[in-house]
Structures are given as C-alpha cells and as structure tokens.
Amino acid sequence: MKKNFIILSEKKWHKELFYRLQREFINCNWVLIDEKSNFKFSELDNIKPDKIFIPHWSYIIPDEIFNNFECIVFHMTDLPFGRGGSPLQNLIVRGFKSTKISAIKVQSGIDSGDVYLKRDLNLEGSAKEIFEKSASIIEDMIREIVLTNCTPSPQIGHVVEFKRRRPEDSDIANLSELDKIYDYIRMLDCEGYPNAFIEFSNLRFEFTDAIFDTNNNFITANVRISKK
C-alpha cells in the first residue's frame, strides 16, 4: 500500500520542494496544501496521511489534527532555544550568524514537541535568500525522515521563548548603528513581512535590497516612498 504524505506550506518556494519529492518518491502519494481553507480535519481524513510535513505555516494547528495525524513542523532555531514566533528576525536582532532547523512533532505547547532531526542553517543574506536556503535543507530532512522513519526524542536544554514581532517593530528610525540597520532591512526583506521603514510627517519610507559596504561604511538600498 502506498504511503500518503502531505506538504503544508503557503510559501511559493516550497512548491518546488514538493514537486521534487513527488518525482523522487513515485511509490508514495504526495499532496500539497497551500491554503488554510483546505487544511481541515475532514479533508485530511479522506487522505489519511502517514505524515504531514509543515515547512512553513502561519496558523495554529488544531488539536483535532495533530492528535490524529503525525504532524512534523520545521522551526528555525536550536530548540528548546527560540520557541515561539518570528524565529528568523529574533535570531538576527540578537546577533546570531547561524542557527539550526529543528524538525519536531507538533503537540500541545508552542514548539515543544519531540525532535526528529536538526540541521545547520547560515543566516547570511536577505530573509528571502535565507528561506530559500532553508527550503533545500528542509527537503533533505523530509527525505531522511521518509527513508528512515526515525523516532523523535524529547527536547533537551533550557527553554528560551521568542515573542512574535509586530509590524511596528520594523521601524528603524531609532537605530544608530549601520550593522543593526542593515540587519533590520535584510531580515524583513521577503514577501509577507513588513519591510523596515521610517515615517516622517505624512510619508513612509520602506527599505529593501540592502547592501552593506563595510569597507566604506555605508548602506545602499531600494526605497519605496508612499503617503501614510
């Protein structure tokens, strides 16, 4: 009997991940769910997935789903350090240059599930570039979990929780160091995230595509100017 696997992600850079796995594991049934409206228990019960892989999902996974199906989420910290929202941005503002991607079983409690695998991730580049790098790493992790059917183990270590960042946290007006300004611009430079900005009177300046010339100590970036 063929095994059924679901890839759950609303991000377009995970579609190629899905297609590659689908082509490689031809003896398995692969289903891509990229809209919240299609992620409900009744739909999943028809598919009866052996595993639900979650590279990126911005919504709460209902108890009814993770209690009945094996859900595996990929979190961009070395858990239990960094449980919670906005892991990429929280890492960069703390000065981290690298991290781990943790594949964990979804259970009650935010990012508290048992760990299947951890893999290294470099945090250089824009948020979009980092997410694209992470997609290939996550693809390899999914491949390994499918091939080995590895058993997860409890998290070990001191728990550190992150707070989900708010749109107003993208304001860079009060930053004074160029490296911090550069980090803010790049860590928010991806679709679905509020770009780094400064507001003056009735105008809003949003920054993307930052390049930090460390030799001459200046930043160049694209700026979009709009009325508030």
Protein backbone atom coordinates (compact mmCIF):
# COMPACT_ATOMS: atom_id res chain seq x y z
CA MET A 1 0.00 0.00 0.00
CA LYS A 2 1.29 3.43 -0.92
CA LYS A 3 2.10 5.83 1.88
CA ASN A 4 0.45 9.24 1.88
CA PHE A 5 2.42 12.37 2.68
CA ILE A 6 1.25 15.98 2.85
CA ILE A 7 3.37 19.11 2.40
CA LEU A 8 1.71 22.03 4.20
CA SER A 9 3.03 25.50 3.31
CA GLU A 10 1.64 28.76 2.00
CA LYS A 11 5.04 29.85 0.67
CA LYS A 12 5.71 29.55 -3.05
CA TRP A 13 9.35 28.49 -2.56
CA HIS A 14 8.14 25.21 -1.07
CA LYS A 15 6.26 24.17 -4.22
CA GLU A 16 9.45 23.04 -5.97
CA LEU A 17 10.34 21.08 -2.83
CA PHE A 18 7.00 19.29 -3.16
CA TYR A 19 7.44 18.55 -6.87
CA ARG A 20 10.95 17.16 -6.40
CA LEU A 21 9.85 14.84 -3.61
CA GLN A 22 6.85 13.77 -5.67
CA ARG A 23 9.10 12.87 -8.61
CA GLU A 24 11.62 11.06 -6.41
CA PHE A 25 9.23 9.00 -4.26
CA ILE A 26 6.99 7.71 -7.04
CA ASN A 27 5.70 4.89 -4.84
CA CYS A 28 4.16 7.39 -2.41
CA ASN A 29 1.20 9.72 -2.76
CA TRP A 30 2.13 13.37 -2.18
CA VAL A 31 -0.40 16.15 -1.60
CA LEU A 32 0.37 19.88 -1.42
CA ILE A 33 -1.87 22.05 0.78
CA ASP A 34 -1.11 25.76 0.45
CA GLU A 35 -4.38 27.36 1.56
CA LYS A 36 -5.85 27.48 5.05
CA SER A 37 -9.33 26.66 3.75
CA ASN A 38 -8.11 23.25 2.55
CA PHE A 39 -6.41 22.33 5.82
CA LYS A 40 -9.24 20.82 7.82
CA PHE A 41 -9.82 17.50 9.51
CA SER A 42 -12.48 16.27 7.07
CA GLU A 43 -10.14 16.74 4.10
CA LEU A 44 -7.23 15.09 5.89
CA ASP A 45 -9.37 12.17 6.99
CA ASN A 46 -10.10 11.44 3.35
CA ILE A 47 -6.38 11.43 2.53
CA LYS A 48 -5.33 9.59 5.70
CA PRO A 49 -1.75 10.86 5.60
CA ASP A 50 1.05 8.88 7.20
CA LYS A 51 2.85 12.16 7.90
CA ILE A 52 2.11 15.87 7.43
CA PHE A 53 5.28 17.88 6.80
CA ILE A 54 5.00 21.59 7.63
CA PRO A 55 7.88 23.70 6.22
CA HIS A 56 6.06 26.98 6.91
CA TRP A 57 2.59 27.69 8.28
CA SER A 58 1.40 30.89 9.95
CA TYR A 59 -1.68 29.42 11.60
CA ILE A 60 -2.44 27.32 14.65
CA ILE A 61 -2.60 23.57 14.02
CA PRO A 62 -5.90 22.38 15.58
CA ASP A 63 -5.70 19.74 18.31
CA GLU A 64 -8.03 17.52 16.32
CA ILE A 65 -5.47 17.36 13.53
CA PHE A 66 -2.20 16.80 15.41
CA ASN A 67 -3.87 14.33 17.80
CA ASN A 68 -4.97 12.17 14.86
CA PHE A 69 -2.15 12.64 12.35
CA GLU A 70 1.63 12.78 12.70
CA CYS A 71 2.47 16.42 12.03
CA ILE A 72 6.11 17.49 11.66
CA VAL A 73 6.96 21.19 11.70
CA PHE A 74 10.31 22.75 10.80
CA HIS A 75 11.37 25.52 13.18
CA MET A 76 14.35 27.80 12.53
CA THR A 77 16.03 27.56 15.96
CA ASP A 78 18.01 25.06 18.00
CA LEU A 79 15.07 24.05 20.18
CA PRO A 80 14.25 24.40 23.02
CA PHE A 81 16.03 27.71 22.46
CA GLY A 82 13.82 30.05 20.47
CA ARG A 83 10.35 28.63 20.88
CA GLY A 84 7.69 30.97 19.53
CA GLY A 85 7.13 33.42 16.70
CA SER A 86 9.37 35.25 14.22
CA PRO A 87 12.40 32.99 14.80
CA LEU A 88 14.48 34.36 11.92
CA GLN A 89 14.06 38.00 12.94
CA ASN A 90 14.53 37.25 16.64
CA LEU A 91 17.78 35.44 15.90
CA ILE A 92 19.21 38.18 13.71
CA VAL A 93 18.39 41.02 16.11
CA ARG A 94 20.24 39.02 18.78
CA GLY A 95 23.32 38.86 16.58
CA PHE A 96 23.18 35.20 15.51
CA LYS A 97 25.04 34.32 12.30
CA SER A 98 23.85 30.73 12.11
CA THR A 99 21.17 28.50 13.62
CA LYS A 100 19.64 25.05 13.42
CA ILE A 101 16.48 23.92 11.69
CA SER A 102 14.65 21.63 14.10
CA ALA A 103 12.14 19.10 12.78
CA ILE A 104 9.69 18.50 15.61
CA LYS A 105 6.45 16.66 16.22
CA VAL A 106 3.51 19.01 16.67
CA GLN A 107 1.89 18.65 20.05
CA SER A 108 0.20 20.77 22.68
CA GLY A 109 2.52 23.64 23.65
CA ILE A 110 4.22 26.02 21.21
CA ASP A 111 7.27 24.40 19.56
CA SER A 112 7.59 21.96 22.47
CA GLY A 113 7.37 18.69 20.56
CA ASP A 114 9.89 15.87 20.32
CA VAL A 115 12.77 16.36 17.85
CA TYR A 116 13.32 14.16 14.79
CA LEU A 117 16.34 15.93 13.29
CA LYS A 118 18.38 19.15 13.45
CA ARG A 119 20.41 20.63 10.62
CA ASP A 120 22.63 23.73 10.31
CA LEU A 121 21.48 26.94 8.59
CA ASN A 122 23.57 30.01 7.78
CA LEU A 123 21.80 33.34 8.39
CA GLU A 124 23.63 35.45 5.80
CA GLY A 125 21.61 37.29 3.17
CA SER A 126 18.08 38.63 2.96
CA ALA A 127 15.11 36.91 4.57
CA LYS A 128 14.04 35.63 1.14
CA GLU A 129 17.51 34.19 0.49
CA ILE A 130 17.58 32.54 3.92
CA PHE A 131 14.14 30.99 3.43
CA GLU A 132 15.19 29.69 0.02
CA LYS A 133 18.33 28.14 1.54
CA SER A 134 16.25 26.61 4.31
CA ALA A 135 13.89 25.02 1.76
CA SER A 136 16.63 22.80 0.33
CA ILE A 137 17.71 21.79 3.83
CA ILE A 138 14.13 21.00 4.83
CA GLU A 139 13.73 18.95 1.65
CA ASP A 140 16.71 16.81 2.67
CA MET A 141 15.29 16.46 6.18
CA ILE A 142 11.93 15.29 4.83
CA ARG A 143 13.74 12.83 2.58
CA GLU A 144 15.65 11.41 5.56
CA ILE A 145 12.54 11.11 7.72
CA VAL A 146 10.67 9.30 4.94
CA LEU A 147 13.55 6.91 4.26
CA THR A 148 14.46 6.12 7.87
CA ASN A 149 11.12 6.64 9.64
CA CYS A 150 13.19 7.97 12.56
CA THR A 151 11.71 8.23 16.04
CA PRO A 152 11.67 11.69 17.69
CA SER A 153 13.26 12.36 21.07
CA PRO A 154 12.31 14.89 23.78
CA GLN A 155 13.89 18.32 23.66
CA ILE A 156 16.88 18.82 25.95
CA GLY A 157 18.12 22.11 27.37
CA HIS A 158 17.00 25.44 28.74
CA VAL A 159 13.78 26.82 27.25
CA VAL A 160 14.01 30.31 25.73
CA GLU A 161 10.84 31.75 24.24
CA PHE A 162 10.59 34.31 21.43
CA LYS A 163 7.75 36.79 21.02
CA ARG A 164 6.17 37.22 17.61
CA ARG A 165 7.26 40.54 16.17
CA ARG A 166 4.71 43.24 15.34
CA PRO A 167 4.62 45.46 12.22
CA GLU A 168 5.64 48.49 14.28
CA ASP A 169 8.82 46.64 15.31
CA SER A 170 10.11 47.22 11.76
CA ASP A 171 10.67 50.95 12.44
CA ILE A 172 14.39 51.72 12.09
CA ALA A 173 14.20 55.44 12.93
CA ASN A 174 15.78 54.98 16.36
CA LEU A 175 18.64 52.72 15.26
CA SER A 176 22.04 54.39 15.21
CA GLU A 177 24.48 51.66 14.12
CA LEU A 178 24.78 50.74 10.46
CA ASP A 179 25.12 47.00 11.06
CA LYS A 180 21.85 47.00 13.01
CA ILE A 181 20.09 48.98 10.28
CA TYR A 182 21.39 46.57 7.65
CA ASP A 183 20.20 43.58 9.67
CA TYR A 184 16.72 45.06 10.08
CA ILE A 185 16.37 45.71 6.36
CA ARG A 186 17.58 42.28 5.26
CA MET A 187 15.73 40.24 7.90
CA LEU A 188 12.40 41.72 6.75
CA ASP A 189 13.11 41.62 3.02
CA CYS A 190 10.66 38.94 1.92
CA GLU A 191 7.06 38.75 0.82
CA GLY A 192 4.63 38.52 3.69
CA TYR A 193 6.80 40.57 6.05
CA PRO A 194 6.51 44.29 6.87
CA ASN A 195 9.62 45.92 5.40
CA ALA A 196 11.92 48.06 7.52
CA PHE A 197 10.62 51.61 7.45
CA ILE A 198 10.90 55.21 8.63
CA GLU A 199 7.97 57.61 8.80
CA PHE A 200 8.13 61.41 8.56
CA SER A 201 5.03 63.55 8.84
CA ASN A 202 2.70 62.11 6.18
CA LEU A 203 5.30 59.99 4.33
CA ARG A 204 6.50 56.42 4.80
CA PHE A 205 9.90 55.17 3.53
CA GLU A 206 10.28 51.38 3.15
CA PHE A 207 13.66 49.74 2.52
CA THR A 208 14.63 46.58 0.62
CA ASP A 209 17.64 45.04 -1.18
CA ALA A 210 20.23 46.37 1.25
CA ILE A 211 23.97 46.10 0.53
CA PHE A 212 26.39 46.91 3.34
CA ASP A 213 29.75 48.24 2.16
CA THR A 214 31.79 47.54 5.28
CA ASN A 215 34.99 48.95 3.74
CA ASN A 216 33.49 52.41 3.20
CA ASN A 217 30.91 52.10 5.96
CA PHE A 218 27.67 52.81 4.13
CA ILE A 219 24.48 51.01 3.10
CA THR A 220 22.75 51.20 -0.26
CA ALA A 221 19.14 50.07 -0.55
CA ASN A 222 15.99 50.43 -2.61
CA VAL A 223 13.44 52.81 -1.09
CA ARG A 224 9.70 52.93 -1.68
CA ILE A 225 8.07 56.21 -0.64
CA SER A 226 4.35 56.41 -0.05
CA LYS A 227 1.84 58.56 1.76
CA LYS A 228 0.72 57.36 5.18
